[in-house]
Amino acid sequence: MGVPSDIPTPSPITLDEWNAMTDISEKYGIATLERLRASDPRLKSERAWNQFMKEVVGPKMKVEQPRPPQH
């Protein structure tokens, strides 16, 4: 028997599903963001994805995952 070369790709998630996630480490994990990107054909291009990250993901992350104050 052959060994699977990779884990099957998880199903894409919509922006609404992503917004509803409460596990912050999972929500902003690379795998989850890739699933989010896969759900919208408009995000296939690097430029569109980078803009989405800057305008949607970044601000949300600042609210949900504030950095500890620097001393």
PDB file of N, CA and C in Angstrom:
ATOM      1  N   MET A   1       0.850  -1.203   0.000  1.00  0.00           N
ATOM      2  CA  MET A   1       0.000   0.000   0.000  1.00  0.00           C
ATOM      3  C   MET A   1       0.884   1.250   0.000  1.00  0.00           C
ATOM      4  N   GLY A   2       0.483   2.224  -0.795  1.00  0.00           N
ATOM      5  CA  GLY A   2       1.218   3.481  -0.831  1.00  0.00           C
ATOM      6  C   GLY A   2       0.826   4.360   0.333  1.00  0.00           C
ATOM      7  N   VAL A   3       1.753   5.168   0.757  1.00  0.00           N
ATOM      8  CA  VAL A   3       1.489   6.110   1.838  1.00  0.00           C
ATOM      9  C   VAL A   3       0.986   7.404   1.207  1.00  0.00           C
ATOM     10  N   PRO A   4      -0.108   7.954   1.742  1.00  0.00           N
ATOM     11  CA  PRO A   4      -0.596   9.218   1.155  1.00  0.00           C
ATOM     12  C   PRO A   4       0.492  10.284   1.222  1.00  0.00           C
ATOM     13  N   SER A   5       0.651  11.000   0.142  1.00  0.00           N
ATOM     14  CA  SER A   5       1.714  11.996   0.085  1.00  0.00           C
ATOM     15  C   SER A   5       1.355  13.254   0.860  1.00  0.00           C
ATOM     16  N   ASP A   6       0.083  13.463   1.048  1.00  0.00           N
ATOM     17  CA  ASP A   6      -0.335  14.691   1.711  1.00  0.00           C
ATOM     18  C   ASP A   6      -1.699  14.491   2.345  1.00  0.00           C
ATOM     19  N   ILE A   7      -2.001  15.327   3.288  1.00  0.00           N
ATOM     20  CA  ILE A   7      -3.317  15.316   3.914  1.00  0.00           C
ATOM     21  C   ILE A   7      -4.304  15.886   2.908  1.00  0.00           C
ATOM     22  N   PRO A   8      -5.492  15.304   2.799  1.00  0.00           N
ATOM     23  CA  PRO A   8      -6.477  15.870   1.865  1.00  0.00           C
ATOM     24  C   PRO A   8      -6.744  17.339   2.181  1.00  0.00           C
ATOM     25  N   THR A   9      -6.945  18.107   1.143  1.00  0.00           N
ATOM     26  CA  THR A   9      -7.195  19.537   1.330  1.00  0.00           C
ATOM     27  C   THR A   9      -8.531  19.722   2.040  1.00  0.00           C
ATOM     28  N   PRO A  10      -8.532  20.472   3.139  1.00  0.00           N
ATOM     29  CA  PRO A  10      -9.812  20.719   3.827  1.00  0.00           C
ATOM     30  C   PRO A  10     -10.728  21.568   2.948  1.00  0.00           C
ATOM     31  N   SER A  11     -12.003  21.455   3.212  1.00  0.00           N
ATOM     32  CA  SER A  11     -12.955  22.196   2.388  1.00  0.00           C
ATOM     33  C   SER A  11     -12.826  23.691   2.630  1.00  0.00           C
ATOM     34  N   PRO A  12     -13.082  24.477   1.590  1.00  0.00           N
ATOM     35  CA  PRO A  12     -13.035  25.942   1.749  1.00  0.00           C
ATOM     36  C   PRO A  12     -14.069  26.415   2.763  1.00  0.00           C
ATOM     37  N   ILE A  13     -13.807  27.545   3.377  1.00  0.00           N
ATOM     38  CA  ILE A  13     -14.784  28.159   4.280  1.00  0.00           C
ATOM     39  C   ILE A  13     -15.122  29.552   3.766  1.00  0.00           C
ATOM     40  N   THR A  14     -16.354  29.956   3.996  1.00  0.00           N
ATOM     41  CA  THR A  14     -16.790  31.278   3.556  1.00  0.00           C
ATOM     42  C   THR A  14     -16.333  32.332   4.559  1.00  0.00           C
ATOM     43  N   LEU A  15     -16.409  33.573   4.150  1.00  0.00           N
ATOM     44  CA  LEU A  15     -16.051  34.672   5.040  1.00  0.00           C
ATOM     45  C   LEU A  15     -16.954  34.668   6.275  1.00  0.00           C
ATOM     46  N   ASP A  16     -18.235  34.369   6.095  1.00  0.00           N
ATOM     47  CA  ASP A  16     -19.148  34.308   7.243  1.00  0.00           C
ATOM     48  C   ASP A  16     -18.731  33.221   8.225  1.00  0.00           C
ATOM     49  N   GLU A  17     -18.361  32.048   7.686  1.00  0.00           N
ATOM     50  CA  GLU A  17     -17.920  30.958   8.559  1.00  0.00           C
ATOM     51  C   GLU A  17     -16.636  31.361   9.290  1.00  0.00           C
ATOM     52  N   TRP A  18     -15.739  32.019   8.554  1.00  0.00           N
ATOM     53  CA  TRP A  18     -14.484  32.451   9.150  1.00  0.00           C
ATOM     54  C   TRP A  18     -14.746  33.485  10.254  1.00  0.00           C
ATOM     55  N   ASN A  19     -15.627  34.440   9.975  1.00  0.00           N
ATOM     56  CA  ASN A  19     -15.959  35.469  10.963  1.00  0.00           C
ATOM     57  C   ASN A  19     -16.552  34.865  12.226  1.00  0.00           C
ATOM     58  N   ALA A  20     -17.253  33.738  12.093  1.00  0.00           N
ATOM     59  CA  ALA A  20     -17.909  33.106  13.242  1.00  0.00           C
ATOM     60  C   ALA A  20     -16.949  32.280  14.091  1.00  0.00           C
ATOM     61  N   MET A  21     -15.751  32.031  13.595  1.00  0.00           N
ATOM     62  CA  MET A  21     -14.792  31.218  14.354  1.00  0.00           C
ATOM     63  C   MET A  21     -14.391  31.934  15.638  1.00  0.00           C
ATOM     64  N   THR A  22     -14.219  31.165  16.700  1.00  0.00           N
ATOM     65  CA  THR A  22     -13.859  31.764  17.983  1.00  0.00           C
ATOM     66  C   THR A  22     -12.467  31.344  18.448  1.00  0.00           C
ATOM     67  N   ASP A  23     -11.911  30.289  17.876  1.00  0.00           N
ATOM     68  CA  ASP A  23     -10.558  29.859  18.251  1.00  0.00           C
ATOM     69  C   ASP A  23      -9.564  30.722  17.478  1.00  0.00           C
ATOM     70  N   ILE A  24      -9.000  31.702  18.161  1.00  0.00           N
ATOM     71  CA  ILE A  24      -8.157  32.706  17.504  1.00  0.00           C
ATOM     72  C   ILE A  24      -6.940  32.071  16.835  1.00  0.00           C
ATOM     73  N   SER A  25      -6.289  31.132  17.521  1.00  0.00           N
ATOM     74  CA  SER A  25      -5.092  30.535  16.918  1.00  0.00           C
ATOM     75  C   SER A  25      -5.436  29.749  15.668  1.00  0.00           C
ATOM     76  N   GLU A  26      -6.612  29.122  15.665  1.00  0.00           N
ATOM     77  CA  GLU A  26      -7.041  28.394  14.462  1.00  0.00           C
ATOM     78  C   GLU A  26      -7.490  29.377  13.376  1.00  0.00           C
ATOM     79  N   LYS A  27      -8.230  30.390  13.774  1.00  0.00           N
ATOM     80  CA  LYS A  27      -8.797  31.347  12.826  1.00  0.00           C
ATOM     81  C   LYS A  27      -7.719  32.031  11.991  1.00  0.00           C
ATOM     82  N   TYR A  28      -6.610  32.389  12.622  1.00  0.00           N
ATOM     83  CA  TYR A  28      -5.554  33.098  11.912  1.00  0.00           C
ATOM     84  C   TYR A  28      -4.410  32.182  11.494  1.00  0.00           C
ATOM     85  N   GLY A  29      -4.639  30.871  11.613  1.00  0.00           N
ATOM     86  CA  GLY A  29      -3.635  29.911  11.166  1.00  0.00           C
ATOM     87  C   GLY A  29      -3.560  29.882   9.649  1.00  0.00           C
ATOM     88  N   ILE A  30      -2.401  29.520   9.132  1.00  0.00           N
ATOM     89  CA  ILE A  30      -2.183  29.483   7.685  1.00  0.00           C
ATOM     90  C   ILE A  30      -3.210  28.580   7.000  1.00  0.00           C
ATOM     91  N   ALA A  31      -3.459  27.406   7.569  1.00  0.00           N
ATOM     92  CA  ALA A  31      -4.377  26.446   6.940  1.00  0.00           C
ATOM     93  C   ALA A  31      -5.781  27.033   6.820  1.00  0.00           C
ATOM     94  N   THR A  32      -6.227  27.718   7.873  1.00  0.00           N
ATOM     95  CA  THR A  32      -7.571  28.302   7.846  1.00  0.00           C
ATOM     96  C   THR A  32      -7.641  29.440   6.831  1.00  0.00           C
ATOM     97  N   LEU A  33      -6.615  30.268   6.791  1.00  0.00           N
ATOM     98  CA  LEU A  33      -6.609  31.372   5.827  1.00  0.00           C
ATOM     99  C   LEU A  33      -6.557  30.839   4.390  1.00  0.00           C
ATOM    100  N   GLU A  34      -5.857  29.734   4.181  1.00  0.00           N
ATOM    101  CA  GLU A  34      -5.835  29.124   2.844  1.00  0.00           C
ATOM    102  C   GLU A  34      -7.225  28.618   2.467  1.00  0.00           C
ATOM    103  N   ARG A  35      -7.946  28.061   3.427  1.00  0.00           N
ATOM    104  CA  ARG A  35      -9.319  27.589   3.169  1.00  0.00           C
ATOM    105  C   ARG A  35     -10.223  28.767   2.826  1.00  0.00           C
ATOM    106  N   LEU A  36     -10.029  29.871   3.541  1.00  0.00           N
ATOM    107  CA  LEU A  36     -10.811  31.080   3.272  1.00  0.00           C
ATOM    108  C   LEU A  36     -10.517  31.588   1.864  1.00  0.00           C
ATOM    109  N   ARG A  37      -9.245  31.616   1.510  1.00  0.00           N
ATOM    110  CA  ARG A  37      -8.843  32.074   0.171  1.00  0.00           C
ATOM    111  C   ARG A  37      -9.438  31.174  -0.905  1.00  0.00           C
ATOM    112  N   ALA A  38      -9.471  29.866  -0.650  1.00  0.00           N
ATOM    113  CA  ALA A  38      -9.978  28.912  -1.637  1.00  0.00           C
ATOM    114  C   ALA A  38     -11.478  29.068  -1.879  1.00  0.00           C
ATOM    115  N   SER A  39     -12.173  29.707  -0.953  1.00  0.00           N
ATOM    116  CA  SER A  39     -13.628  29.820  -1.078  1.00  0.00           C
ATOM    117  C   SER A  39     -14.056  30.913  -2.049  1.00  0.00           C
ATOM    118  N   ASP A  40     -13.137  31.818  -2.398  1.00  0.00           N
ATOM    119  CA  ASP A  40     -13.505  32.955  -3.240  1.00  0.00           C
ATOM    120  C   ASP A  40     -12.550  33.068  -4.419  1.00  0.00           C
ATOM    121  N   PRO A  41     -13.046  32.787  -5.617  1.00  0.00           N
ATOM    122  CA  PRO A  41     -12.173  32.845  -6.798  1.00  0.00           C
ATOM    123  C   PRO A  41     -11.510  34.206  -6.993  1.00  0.00           C
ATOM    124  N   ARG A  42     -12.120  35.247  -6.465  1.00  0.00           N
ATOM    125  CA  ARG A  42     -11.533  36.585  -6.615  1.00  0.00           C
ATOM    126  C   ARG A  42     -10.233  36.723  -5.827  1.00  0.00           C
ATOM    127  N   LEU A  43     -10.007  35.835  -4.868  1.00  0.00           N
ATOM    128  CA  LEU A  43      -8.811  35.933  -4.031  1.00  0.00           C
ATOM    129  C   LEU A  43      -7.654  35.087  -4.548  1.00  0.00           C
ATOM    130  N   LYS A  44      -7.801  34.522  -5.741  1.00  0.00           N
ATOM    131  CA  LYS A  44      -6.755  33.658  -6.291  1.00  0.00           C
ATOM    132  C   LYS A  44      -5.474  34.433  -6.587  1.00  0.00           C
ATOM    133  N   SER A  45      -5.610  35.657  -7.067  1.00  0.00           N
ATOM    134  CA  SER A  45      -4.405  36.420  -7.401  1.00  0.00           C
ATOM    135  C   SER A  45      -3.736  36.907  -6.116  1.00  0.00           C
ATOM    136  N   GLU A  46      -2.427  36.956  -6.154  1.00  0.00           N
ATOM    137  CA  GLU A  46      -1.642  37.403  -5.008  1.00  0.00           C
ATOM    138  C   GLU A  46      -2.029  38.824  -4.613  1.00  0.00           C
ATOM    139  N   ARG A  47      -2.247  39.671  -5.606  1.00  0.00           N
ATOM    140  CA  ARG A  47      -2.588  41.067  -5.332  1.00  0.00           C
ATOM    141  C   ARG A  47      -3.921  41.182  -4.596  1.00  0.00           C
ATOM    142  N   ALA A  48      -4.933  40.448  -5.083  1.00  0.00           N
ATOM    143  CA  ALA A  48      -6.247  40.493  -4.437  1.00  0.00           C
ATOM    144  C   ALA A  48      -6.167  39.919  -3.019  1.00  0.00           C
ATOM    145  N   TRP A  49      -5.403  38.842  -2.875  1.00  0.00           N
ATOM    146  CA  TRP A  49      -5.273  38.223  -1.553  1.00  0.00           C
ATOM    147  C   TRP A  49      -4.575  39.171  -0.581  1.00  0.00           C
ATOM    148  N   ASN A  50      -3.502  39.800  -1.014  1.00  0.00           N
ATOM    149  CA  ASN A  50      -2.779  40.730  -0.140  1.00  0.00           C
ATOM    150  C   ASN A  50      -3.672  41.897   0.277  1.00  0.00           C
ATOM    151  N   GLN A  51      -4.476  42.383  -0.650  1.00  0.00           N
ATOM    152  CA  GLN A  51      -5.396  43.477  -0.333  1.00  0.00           C
ATOM    153  C   GLN A  51      -6.438  43.007   0.682  1.00  0.00           C
ATOM    154  N   PHE A  52      -6.958  41.807   0.488  1.00  0.00           N
ATOM    155  CA  PHE A  52      -7.942  41.237   1.410  1.00  0.00           C
ATOM    156  C   PHE A  52      -7.330  41.090   2.810  1.00  0.00           C
ATOM    157  N   MET A  53      -6.091  40.597   2.861  1.00  0.00           N
ATOM    158  CA  MET A  53      -5.423  40.434   4.154  1.00  0.00           C
ATOM    159  C   MET A  53      -5.266  41.790   4.854  1.00  0.00           C
ATOM    160  N   LYS A  54      -4.912  42.820   4.071  1.00  0.00           N
ATOM    161  CA  LYS A  54      -4.679  44.146   4.638  1.00  0.00           C
ATOM    162  C   LYS A  54      -5.988  44.805   5.084  1.00  0.00           C
ATOM    163  N   GLU A  55      -7.044  44.639   4.298  1.00  0.00           N
ATOM    164  CA  GLU A  55      -8.290  45.366   4.565  1.00  0.00           C
ATOM    165  C   GLU A  55      -9.276  44.617   5.455  1.00  0.00           C
ATOM    166  N   VAL A  56      -9.206  43.279   5.449  1.00  0.00           N
ATOM    167  CA  VAL A  56     -10.196  42.499   6.200  1.00  0.00           C
ATOM    168  C   VAL A  56      -9.547  41.752   7.367  1.00  0.00           C
ATOM    169  N   VAL A  57      -8.566  40.934   7.049  1.00  0.00           N
ATOM    170  CA  VAL A  57      -7.975  40.079   8.080  1.00  0.00           C
ATOM    171  C   VAL A  57      -7.157  40.889   9.085  1.00  0.00           C
ATOM    172  N   GLY A  58      -6.319  41.778   8.592  1.00  0.00           N
ATOM    173  CA  GLY A  58      -5.464  42.565   9.478  1.00  0.00           C
ATOM    174  C   GLY A  58      -6.227  43.339  10.546  1.00  0.00           C
ATOM    175  N   PRO A  59      -7.191  44.172  10.136  1.00  0.00           N
ATOM    176  CA  PRO A  59      -7.941  44.940  11.147  1.00  0.00           C
ATOM    177  C   PRO A  59      -8.683  44.043  12.135  1.00  0.00           C
ATOM    178  N   LYS A  60      -9.233  42.935  11.641  1.00  0.00           N
ATOM    179  CA  LYS A  60      -9.967  42.029  12.528  1.00  0.00           C
ATOM    180  C   LYS A  60      -9.009  41.387  13.531  1.00  0.00           C
ATOM    181  N   MET A  61      -7.820  41.055  13.051  1.00  0.00           N
ATOM    182  CA  MET A  61      -6.833  40.443  13.937  1.00  0.00           C
ATOM    183  C   MET A  61      -6.429  41.421  15.044  1.00  0.00           C
ATOM    184  N   LYS A  62      -6.301  42.701  14.700  1.00  0.00           N
ATOM    185  CA  LYS A  62      -5.916  43.702  15.709  1.00  0.00           C
ATOM    186  C   LYS A  62      -6.958  43.795  16.814  1.00  0.00           C
ATOM    187  N   VAL A  63      -8.230  43.632  16.443  1.00  0.00           N
ATOM    188  CA  VAL A  63      -9.308  43.699  17.428  1.00  0.00           C
ATOM    189  C   VAL A  63      -9.351  42.423  18.271  1.00  0.00           C
ATOM    190  N   GLU A  64      -9.246  41.272  17.600  1.00  0.00           N
ATOM    191  CA  GLU A  64      -9.427  39.991  18.288  1.00  0.00           C
ATOM    192  C   GLU A  64      -8.156  39.471  18.953  1.00  0.00           C
ATOM    193  N   GLN A  65      -7.024  39.893  18.471  1.00  0.00           N
ATOM    194  CA  GLN A  65      -5.767  39.352  18.974  1.00  0.00           C
ATOM    195  C   GLN A  65      -4.806  40.506  19.267  1.00  0.00           C
ATOM    196  N   PRO A  66      -5.184  41.350  20.221  1.00  0.00           N
ATOM    197  CA  PRO A  66      -4.333  42.512  20.483  1.00  0.00           C
ATOM    198  C   PRO A  66      -2.963  42.065  21.002  1.00  0.00           C
ATOM    199  N   ARG A  67      -1.959  42.788  20.598  1.00  0.00           N
ATOM    200  CA  ARG A  67      -0.613  42.473  21.069  1.00  0.00           C
ATOM    201  C   ARG A  67      -0.486  42.952  22.515  1.00  0.00           C
ATOM    202  N   PRO A  68       0.263  42.212  23.316  1.00  0.00           N
ATOM    203  CA  PRO A  68       0.473  42.689  24.692  1.00  0.00           C
ATOM    204  C   PRO A  68       1.256  44.000  24.676  1.00  0.00           C
ATOM    205  N   PRO A  69       1.016  44.857  25.641  1.00  0.00           N
ATOM    206  CA  PRO A  69       1.736  46.131  25.656  1.00  0.00           C
ATOM    207  C   PRO A  69       3.243  45.898  25.760  1.00  0.00           C
ATOM    208  N   GLN A  70       3.982  46.707  25.049  1.00  0.00           N
ATOM    209  CA  GLN A  70       5.437  46.592  25.097  1.00  0.00           C
ATOM    210  C   GLN A  70       5.955  47.409  26.263  1.00  0.00           C
ATOM    211  N   HIS A  71       6.848  46.834  27.028  1.00  0.00           N
ATOM    212  CA  HIS A  71       7.405  47.547  28.200  1.00  0.00           C
ATOM    213  C   HIS A  71       8.756  48.104  27.880  1.00  0.00           C
TER     214      HIS A  71
END
